[in-house]
C-alpha cells in the first residue's frame, strides 16, 4: 500500500516537476537506462517499500558517480575543442604556418610594408616573398611599435 502511494508521488514528480528542472538524470544519460525516478517507481511497485530502499539508495549513489563522470567528459571535450581551436589559429589555409619554419631571408632586400591603417609599421623585416596565399600576419614580419 505504501509502495503504491510512493510510486504515485514519484509519477507526480515526473509529470509536473522533472520537466521543468532543466536537466536529465545523469545515470540515464550515461548508461542509456531508466532515470532514477523511474527506477525508484518501478522498484517500489515490484519489490515493495523495504526491499526497494537500499536499491534506490544505491541507484542514487551510482547516479552521483555518473554525474561526476559526465562532468569530467564535458571538461575533457571542452579542453580538446580549445586545443583544436588554438591549433587552428596557428594554421594558414590548412598548412601549418610556424614562423620558425620560414626560410632565412636575410640575403634579400626588404621592401617597405608601410600600411596606412597601421601608422607605426614603417619597415619590413622580410622581403616580398611569394607565400602561396598564406596569411603570415601573425609572424613578426614588420618592425612595428605598438
N, C-alpha and C. Protein backbone atom coordinates (compact mmCIF):
# COMPACT_ATOMS: atom_id res chain seq x y z
N UNK A 1 0.82 -1.20 0.00
CA UNK A 1 0.00 0.00 0.00
C UNK A 1 0.87 1.27 0.00
N UNK A 2 1.85 1.34 0.90
CA UNK A 2 2.74 2.48 0.95
C UNK A 2 3.56 2.57 -0.34
N UNK A 3 3.95 1.41 -0.86
CA UNK A 3 4.73 1.42 -2.10
C UNK A 3 3.95 2.04 -3.26
N UNK A 4 2.65 1.80 -3.34
CA UNK A 4 1.82 2.37 -4.41
C UNK A 4 1.66 3.87 -4.24
N UNK A 5 1.51 4.33 -3.00
CA UNK A 5 1.42 5.75 -2.74
C UNK A 5 2.72 6.45 -3.14
N UNK A 6 3.84 5.87 -2.75
CA UNK A 6 5.14 6.44 -3.12
C UNK A 6 5.34 6.44 -4.64
N UNK A 7 4.92 5.38 -5.29
CA UNK A 7 5.02 5.30 -6.75
C UNK A 7 4.17 6.39 -7.41
N UNK A 8 3.00 6.67 -6.86
CA UNK A 8 2.15 7.74 -7.41
C UNK A 8 2.79 9.11 -7.20
N UNK A 9 3.39 9.30 -6.03
CA UNK A 9 4.07 10.57 -5.76
C UNK A 9 5.25 10.76 -6.73
N UNK A 10 5.95 9.70 -7.01
CA UNK A 10 7.05 9.79 -7.98
C UNK A 10 6.50 10.15 -9.36
N UNK A 11 5.38 9.58 -9.73
CA UNK A 11 4.76 9.89 -11.03
C UNK A 11 4.37 11.37 -11.09
N UNK A 12 3.85 11.91 -10.01
CA UNK A 12 3.52 13.35 -9.97
C UNK A 12 4.80 14.17 -10.18
N UNK A 13 5.88 13.78 -9.48
CA UNK A 13 7.17 14.46 -9.67
C UNK A 13 7.60 14.40 -11.14
N UNK A 14 7.48 13.22 -11.75
CA UNK A 14 7.91 13.05 -13.15
C UNK A 14 7.09 13.92 -14.11
N UNK A 15 5.81 14.06 -13.83
CA UNK A 15 4.96 14.79 -14.75
C UNK A 15 4.98 16.31 -14.54
N UNK A 16 5.09 16.74 -13.28
CA UNK A 16 4.90 18.16 -13.02
C UNK A 16 6.15 18.92 -12.54
N UNK A 17 7.16 18.21 -12.10
CA UNK A 17 8.35 18.89 -11.60
C UNK A 17 9.56 18.63 -12.50
N UNK A 18 9.83 17.38 -12.78
CA UNK A 18 11.02 17.00 -13.53
C UNK A 18 11.15 17.70 -14.88
N UNK A 19 10.08 17.84 -15.66
CA UNK A 19 10.25 18.50 -16.97
C UNK A 19 10.71 19.96 -16.88
N UNK A 20 10.56 20.59 -15.73
CA UNK A 20 10.90 22.00 -15.60
C UNK A 20 12.20 22.26 -14.84
N UNK A 21 12.87 21.22 -14.42
CA UNK A 21 14.08 21.44 -13.62
C UNK A 21 15.31 21.76 -14.47
N UNK A 22 15.29 21.47 -15.77
CA UNK A 22 16.35 21.92 -16.66
C UNK A 22 17.47 20.93 -16.92
N UNK A 23 17.41 19.75 -16.39
CA UNK A 23 18.44 18.75 -16.68
C UNK A 23 17.85 17.35 -16.54
N UNK A 24 18.56 16.38 -17.10
CA UNK A 24 18.11 14.99 -17.05
C UNK A 24 18.90 14.22 -16.01
N UNK A 25 18.41 13.06 -15.67
CA UNK A 25 19.09 12.17 -14.75
C UNK A 25 20.43 11.74 -15.35
N UNK A 26 21.51 11.96 -14.61
CA UNK A 26 22.85 11.65 -15.10
C UNK A 26 23.02 10.15 -15.37
N UNK A 27 22.43 9.33 -14.52
CA UNK A 27 22.55 7.89 -14.72
C UNK A 27 21.89 7.48 -16.04
N UNK A 28 20.72 8.03 -16.30
CA UNK A 28 20.01 7.71 -17.54
C UNK A 28 20.80 8.16 -18.77
N UNK A 29 21.42 9.33 -18.68
CA UNK A 29 22.21 9.84 -19.81
C UNK A 29 23.45 8.98 -20.02
N UNK A 30 24.17 8.71 -18.94
CA UNK A 30 25.44 7.98 -19.03
C UNK A 30 25.24 6.54 -19.49
N UNK A 31 24.22 5.88 -18.97
CA UNK A 31 24.04 4.44 -19.22
C UNK A 31 22.89 4.10 -20.16
N UNK A 32 22.22 5.12 -20.68
CA UNK A 32 21.08 4.90 -21.58
C UNK A 32 20.09 3.91 -20.94
N UNK A 33 19.70 4.25 -19.73
CA UNK A 33 18.84 3.38 -18.93
C UNK A 33 17.71 4.23 -18.34
N UNK A 34 16.92 3.64 -17.46
CA UNK A 34 15.84 4.36 -16.80
C UNK A 34 16.40 5.49 -15.95
N UNK A 35 15.63 6.56 -15.83
CA UNK A 35 16.01 7.63 -14.92
C UNK A 35 15.90 7.10 -13.49
N UNK A 36 16.51 7.79 -12.57
CA UNK A 36 16.46 7.35 -11.17
C UNK A 36 15.02 7.35 -10.64
N UNK A 37 14.25 8.35 -11.03
CA UNK A 37 12.87 8.39 -10.54
C UNK A 37 12.06 7.23 -11.11
N UNK A 38 12.26 6.91 -12.38
CA UNK A 38 11.53 5.78 -12.97
C UNK A 38 12.01 4.46 -12.36
N UNK A 39 13.31 4.34 -12.13
CA UNK A 39 13.84 3.14 -11.48
C UNK A 39 13.22 2.99 -10.09
N UNK A 40 13.16 4.09 -9.33
CA UNK A 40 12.57 4.04 -7.99
C UNK A 40 11.10 3.64 -8.06
N UNK A 41 10.36 4.21 -8.99
CA UNK A 41 8.92 3.90 -9.13
C UNK A 41 8.72 2.43 -9.44
N UNK A 42 9.47 1.93 -10.43
CA UNK A 42 9.33 0.52 -10.84
C UNK A 42 9.77 -0.41 -9.71
N UNK A 43 10.86 -0.08 -9.06
CA UNK A 43 11.37 -0.91 -7.97
C UNK A 43 10.38 -0.96 -6.82
N UNK A 44 9.78 0.18 -6.49
CA UNK A 44 8.77 0.20 -5.43
C UNK A 44 7.59 -0.71 -5.76
N UNK A 45 7.13 -0.65 -7.01
CA UNK A 45 5.99 -1.46 -7.41
C UNK A 45 6.34 -2.95 -7.48
N UNK A 46 7.56 -3.29 -7.85
CA UNK A 46 7.94 -4.69 -7.99
C UNK A 46 8.43 -5.33 -6.69
N UNK A 47 9.14 -4.57 -5.87
CA UNK A 47 9.82 -5.16 -4.72
C UNK A 47 9.26 -4.74 -3.37
N UNK A 48 8.43 -3.76 -3.33
CA UNK A 48 7.92 -3.29 -2.04
C UNK A 48 8.83 -2.23 -1.45
N UNK A 49 8.32 -1.60 -0.40
CA UNK A 49 9.00 -0.45 0.18
C UNK A 49 10.31 -0.83 0.86
N UNK A 50 10.30 -1.84 1.71
CA UNK A 50 11.51 -2.19 2.47
C UNK A 50 12.65 -2.64 1.57
N UNK A 51 12.39 -3.51 0.65
CA UNK A 51 13.45 -4.02 -0.24
C UNK A 51 13.94 -2.94 -1.20
N UNK A 52 13.07 -2.05 -1.58
CA UNK A 52 13.42 -1.02 -2.55
C UNK A 52 14.34 0.04 -1.98
N UNK A 53 14.26 0.29 -0.68
CA UNK A 53 15.01 1.39 -0.09
C UNK A 53 16.51 1.29 -0.38
N UNK A 54 17.12 0.15 -0.12
CA UNK A 54 18.56 0.02 -0.34
C UNK A 54 18.90 0.04 -1.84
N UNK A 55 18.04 -0.51 -2.67
CA UNK A 55 18.27 -0.48 -4.11
C UNK A 55 18.23 0.95 -4.66
N UNK A 56 17.25 1.71 -4.19
CA UNK A 56 17.11 3.11 -4.63
C UNK A 56 18.28 3.94 -4.11
N UNK A 57 18.68 3.69 -2.88
CA UNK A 57 19.82 4.41 -2.31
C UNK A 57 21.09 4.13 -3.13
N UNK A 58 21.30 2.87 -3.52
CA UNK A 58 22.46 2.53 -4.34
C UNK A 58 22.38 3.20 -5.70
N UNK A 59 21.17 3.27 -6.25
CA UNK A 59 20.99 3.90 -7.55
C UNK A 59 21.34 5.38 -7.49
N UNK A 60 20.93 6.07 -6.42
CA UNK A 60 21.28 7.48 -6.27
C UNK A 60 22.80 7.67 -6.17
N UNK A 61 23.45 6.76 -5.48
CA UNK A 61 24.92 6.82 -5.40
C UNK A 61 25.53 6.64 -6.79
N UNK A 62 25.03 5.66 -7.54
CA UNK A 62 25.52 5.42 -8.91
C UNK A 62 25.24 6.62 -9.81
N UNK A 63 24.13 7.29 -9.57
CA UNK A 63 23.79 8.48 -10.36
C UNK A 63 24.79 9.60 -10.08
N UNK A 64 25.19 9.74 -8.83
CA UNK A 64 26.19 10.74 -8.47
C UNK A 64 27.51 10.46 -9.19
N UNK A 65 27.90 9.19 -9.23
CA UNK A 65 29.13 8.81 -9.94
C UNK A 65 29.01 9.09 -11.44
N UNK A 66 27.83 8.81 -11.99
CA UNK A 66 27.59 9.08 -13.41
C UNK A 66 27.68 10.59 -13.69
N UNK A 67 27.14 11.40 -12.80
CA UNK A 67 27.20 12.85 -12.97
C UNK A 67 28.65 13.34 -12.95
N UNK A 68 29.44 12.79 -12.04
CA UNK A 68 30.86 13.17 -11.98
C UNK A 68 31.59 12.75 -13.24
N UNK A 69 31.29 11.56 -13.74
CA UNK A 69 31.93 11.08 -14.98
C UNK A 69 31.53 11.94 -16.18
N UNK A 70 30.26 12.30 -16.26
CA UNK A 70 29.79 13.15 -17.36
C UNK A 70 30.45 14.53 -17.30
N UNK A 71 30.61 15.07 -16.11
CA UNK A 71 31.26 16.37 -15.96
C UNK A 71 32.72 16.28 -16.38
N UNK A 72 33.38 15.21 -16.03
CA UNK A 72 34.78 15.01 -16.43
C UNK A 72 34.88 14.90 -17.95
N UNK A 73 33.96 14.17 -18.58
CA UNK A 73 33.94 14.05 -20.04
C UNK A 73 33.68 15.41 -20.69
N UNK A 74 32.76 16.19 -20.10
CA UNK A 74 32.44 17.51 -20.66
C UNK A 74 33.67 18.41 -20.61
N UNK A 75 34.38 18.39 -19.49
CA UNK A 75 35.57 19.22 -19.37
C UNK A 75 36.66 18.77 -20.34
N UNK A 76 36.80 17.45 -20.54
CA UNK A 76 37.80 16.93 -21.48
C UNK A 76 37.47 17.36 -22.91
N UNK A 77 36.20 17.29 -23.28
CA UNK A 77 35.79 17.72 -24.63
C UNK A 77 36.01 19.22 -24.81
N UNK A 78 35.71 19.99 -23.77
CA UNK A 78 35.92 21.44 -23.86
C UNK A 78 37.40 21.75 -24.03
N UNK A 79 38.23 21.03 -23.32
CA UNK A 79 39.68 21.22 -23.44
C UNK A 79 40.17 20.82 -24.83
N UNK A 80 39.64 19.73 -25.37
CA UNK A 80 40.01 19.30 -26.72
C UNK A 80 39.60 20.34 -27.75
N UNK A 81 38.38 20.89 -27.61
CA UNK A 81 37.93 21.93 -28.54
C UNK A 81 38.81 23.16 -28.45
N UNK A 82 39.18 23.53 -27.23
CA UNK A 82 40.04 24.70 -27.05
C UNK A 82 41.41 24.44 -27.67
N UNK A 83 41.95 23.26 -27.47
CA UNK A 83 43.25 22.91 -28.05
C UNK A 83 43.17 22.91 -29.57
N UNK A 84 42.08 22.35 -30.11
CA UNK A 84 41.91 22.31 -31.57
C UNK A 84 41.78 23.73 -32.12
N UNK A 85 41.07 24.59 -31.40
CA UNK A 85 40.91 25.99 -31.84
C UNK A 85 42.26 26.70 -31.82
N UNK A 86 43.04 26.49 -30.77
CA UNK A 86 44.36 27.10 -30.70
C UNK A 86 45.25 26.60 -31.83
N UNK A 87 45.14 25.31 -32.14
CA UNK A 87 45.93 24.74 -33.23
C UNK A 87 45.49 25.36 -34.57
N UNK A 88 44.17 25.51 -34.75
CA UNK A 88 43.66 26.13 -35.98
C UNK A 88 44.13 27.57 -36.10
N UNK A 89 44.24 28.27 -34.98
CA UNK A 89 44.70 29.66 -35.02
C UNK A 89 46.15 29.75 -35.46
N UNK A 90 46.91 28.68 -35.34
CA UNK A 90 48.31 28.68 -35.75
C UNK A 90 48.50 28.07 -37.13
N UNK A 91 47.41 27.95 -37.88
CA UNK A 91 47.49 27.37 -39.21
C UNK A 91 47.08 28.40 -40.24
N UNK A 92 47.63 28.28 -41.44
CA UNK A 92 47.30 29.21 -42.52
C UNK A 92 46.80 28.41 -43.71
N UNK A 93 45.55 28.60 -44.04
CA UNK A 93 44.95 27.92 -45.19
C UNK A 93 45.18 26.41 -45.15
N UNK A 94 45.09 25.83 -43.96
CA UNK A 94 45.23 24.38 -43.83
C UNK A 94 46.67 23.91 -43.80
N UNK A 95 47.64 24.82 -43.89
CA UNK A 95 49.05 24.45 -43.87
C UNK A 95 49.63 24.98 -42.57
N UNK A 96 50.38 24.15 -41.87
CA UNK A 96 50.97 24.60 -40.62
C UNK A 96 51.88 25.79 -40.90
N UNK A 97 51.66 26.89 -40.23
CA UNK A 97 52.35 28.15 -40.53
C UNK A 97 53.16 28.58 -39.32
N UNK A 98 54.22 27.89 -39.05
CA UNK A 98 55.10 28.23 -37.95
C UNK A 98 56.16 29.21 -38.46
N UNK A 99 56.28 30.36 -37.83
CA UNK A 99 57.22 31.38 -38.30
C UNK A 99 58.65 30.86 -38.33
N UNK A 100 58.99 29.98 -37.42
CA UNK A 100 60.36 29.47 -37.39
C UNK A 100 60.65 28.57 -38.59
N UNK A 101 59.60 28.10 -39.27
CA UNK A 101 59.80 27.25 -40.44
C UNK A 101 59.99 28.04 -41.72
N UNK A 102 59.84 29.37 -41.65
CA UNK A 102 60.02 30.18 -42.85
C UNK A 102 61.51 30.20 -43.23
N UNK A 103 61.83 30.31 -44.51
CA UNK A 103 63.23 30.29 -44.93
C UNK A 103 63.99 31.52 -44.45
N UNK A 104 65.30 31.37 -44.36
CA UNK A 104 66.15 32.51 -44.00
C UNK A 104 66.14 33.48 -45.17
N UNK A 105 65.69 34.69 -44.92
CA UNK A 105 65.52 35.66 -46.00
C UNK A 105 66.47 36.84 -45.84
N UNK A 106 67.49 36.69 -45.03
CA UNK A 106 68.37 37.81 -44.75
C UNK A 106 69.13 38.30 -45.97
N UNK A 107 69.32 37.43 -46.99
CA UNK A 107 70.08 37.86 -48.16
C UNK A 107 69.25 38.67 -49.15
N UNK A 108 67.94 38.77 -48.94
CA UNK A 108 67.10 39.52 -49.86
C UNK A 108 66.92 40.95 -49.38
N UNK A 109 66.72 41.83 -50.34
CA UNK A 109 66.44 43.22 -49.99
C UNK A 109 65.01 43.29 -49.47
N UNK A 110 64.80 44.09 -48.50
CA UNK A 110 63.47 44.17 -47.87
C UNK A 110 62.66 45.30 -48.47
N UNK A 111 61.42 45.05 -48.71
CA UNK A 111 60.50 46.01 -49.31
C UNK A 111 59.69 46.67 -48.20
N UNK A 112 59.39 47.90 -48.32
CA UNK A 112 58.63 48.61 -47.30
C UNK A 112 57.24 48.00 -47.17
N UNK A 113 56.77 47.92 -45.94
CA UNK A 113 55.42 47.37 -45.72
C UNK A 113 54.57 48.39 -44.99
N UNK A 114 54.84 49.63 -45.18
CA UNK A 114 54.06 50.67 -44.51
C UNK A 114 52.59 50.52 -44.89
N UNK A 115 51.76 50.50 -43.88
CA UNK A 115 50.33 50.36 -44.12
C UNK A 115 49.64 51.54 -43.45
N UNK A 116 48.80 52.26 -44.16
CA UNK A 116 48.14 53.43 -43.58
C UNK A 116 47.32 53.07 -42.34
N UNK A 117 46.73 51.88 -42.34
CA UNK A 117 45.90 51.52 -41.20
C UNK A 117 46.72 51.19 -39.96
N UNK A 118 48.05 50.96 -40.14
CA UNK A 118 48.95 50.73 -39.02
C UNK A 118 50.08 51.74 -39.14
N UNK A 119 49.88 52.96 -38.67
CA UNK A 119 50.85 54.02 -38.90
C UNK A 119 52.23 53.72 -38.32
N UNK A 120 52.33 52.92 -37.28
CA UNK A 120 53.62 52.68 -36.67
C UNK A 120 54.43 51.61 -37.40
N UNK A 121 53.86 50.96 -38.42
CA UNK A 121 54.56 49.91 -39.16
C UNK A 121 55.22 50.56 -40.37
N UNK A 122 56.50 50.82 -40.24
CA UNK A 122 57.19 51.58 -41.27
C UNK A 122 58.14 50.76 -42.12
N UNK A 123 58.66 49.68 -41.61
CA UNK A 123 59.61 48.91 -42.42
C UNK A 123 59.35 47.43 -42.24
N UNK A 124 59.77 46.68 -43.23
CA UNK A 124 59.52 45.25 -43.26
C UNK A 124 60.81 44.49 -43.02
N UNK A 125 60.76 43.48 -42.16
CA UNK A 125 61.93 42.67 -41.88
C UNK A 125 62.06 41.50 -42.85
N UNK A 126 61.08 41.36 -43.72
CA UNK A 126 61.09 40.23 -44.67
C UNK A 126 60.94 40.77 -46.08
N UNK A 127 61.55 40.12 -47.07
CA UNK A 127 61.38 40.58 -48.46
C UNK A 127 59.98 40.25 -48.96
N UNK A 128 59.72 40.68 -50.16
CA UNK A 128 58.44 40.40 -50.78
C UNK A 128 58.46 38.94 -51.24
N UNK A 129 58.12 38.04 -50.36
CA UNK A 129 58.15 36.61 -50.67
C UNK A 129 56.82 36.16 -51.25
N UNK A 130 56.86 35.19 -52.13
CA UNK A 130 55.64 34.56 -52.60
C UNK A 130 55.30 33.47 -51.60
N UNK A 131 54.21 33.68 -50.89
CA UNK A 131 53.85 32.75 -49.81
C UNK A 131 52.71 31.83 -50.20
N UNK A 132 52.40 31.74 -51.45
CA UNK A 132 51.33 30.85 -51.89
C UNK A 132 49.98 31.21 -51.30
N UNK A 133 49.75 32.48 -51.02
CA UNK A 133 48.46 32.90 -50.49
C UNK A 133 48.33 32.71 -48.99
N UNK A 134 49.40 32.23 -48.33
CA UNK A 134 49.31 32.02 -46.89
C UNK A 134 49.31 33.36 -46.18
N UNK A 135 48.52 33.43 -45.14
CA UNK A 135 48.49 34.62 -44.31
C UNK A 135 49.53 34.45 -43.23
N UNK A 136 50.60 35.22 -43.29
CA UNK A 136 51.66 35.13 -42.29
C UNK A 136 51.63 36.37 -41.40
N UNK A 137 50.47 36.96 -41.27
CA UNK A 137 50.35 38.19 -40.50
C UNK A 137 50.70 37.99 -39.03
N UNK A 138 50.49 36.77 -38.53
CA UNK A 138 50.80 36.56 -37.13
C UNK A 138 52.30 36.42 -36.90
N UNK A 139 53.08 36.27 -37.97
CA UNK A 139 54.54 36.23 -37.84
C UNK A 139 55.04 37.67 -37.72
N UNK A 140 56.08 37.90 -36.97
CA UNK A 140 56.58 39.26 -36.77
C UNK A 140 57.39 39.68 -37.99
N UNK A 141 56.71 40.12 -39.03
CA UNK A 141 57.37 40.47 -40.28
C UNK A 141 57.64 41.96 -40.37
N UNK A 142 56.93 42.77 -39.64
CA UNK A 142 57.13 44.21 -39.70
C UNK A 142 57.70 44.70 -38.38
N UNK A 143 58.54 45.69 -38.48
CA UNK A 143 59.06 46.33 -37.27
C UNK A 143 58.04 47.38 -36.86
N UNK A 144 57.17 47.00 -36.01
CA UNK A 144 56.09 47.90 -35.60
C UNK A 144 56.22 48.20 -34.11
N UNK A 145 56.00 49.43 -33.75
CA UNK A 145 55.94 49.78 -32.34
C UNK A 145 54.47 49.99 -32.00
N UNK A 146 53.97 49.23 -31.08
CA UNK A 146 52.55 49.30 -30.74
C UNK A 146 52.40 50.21 -29.61
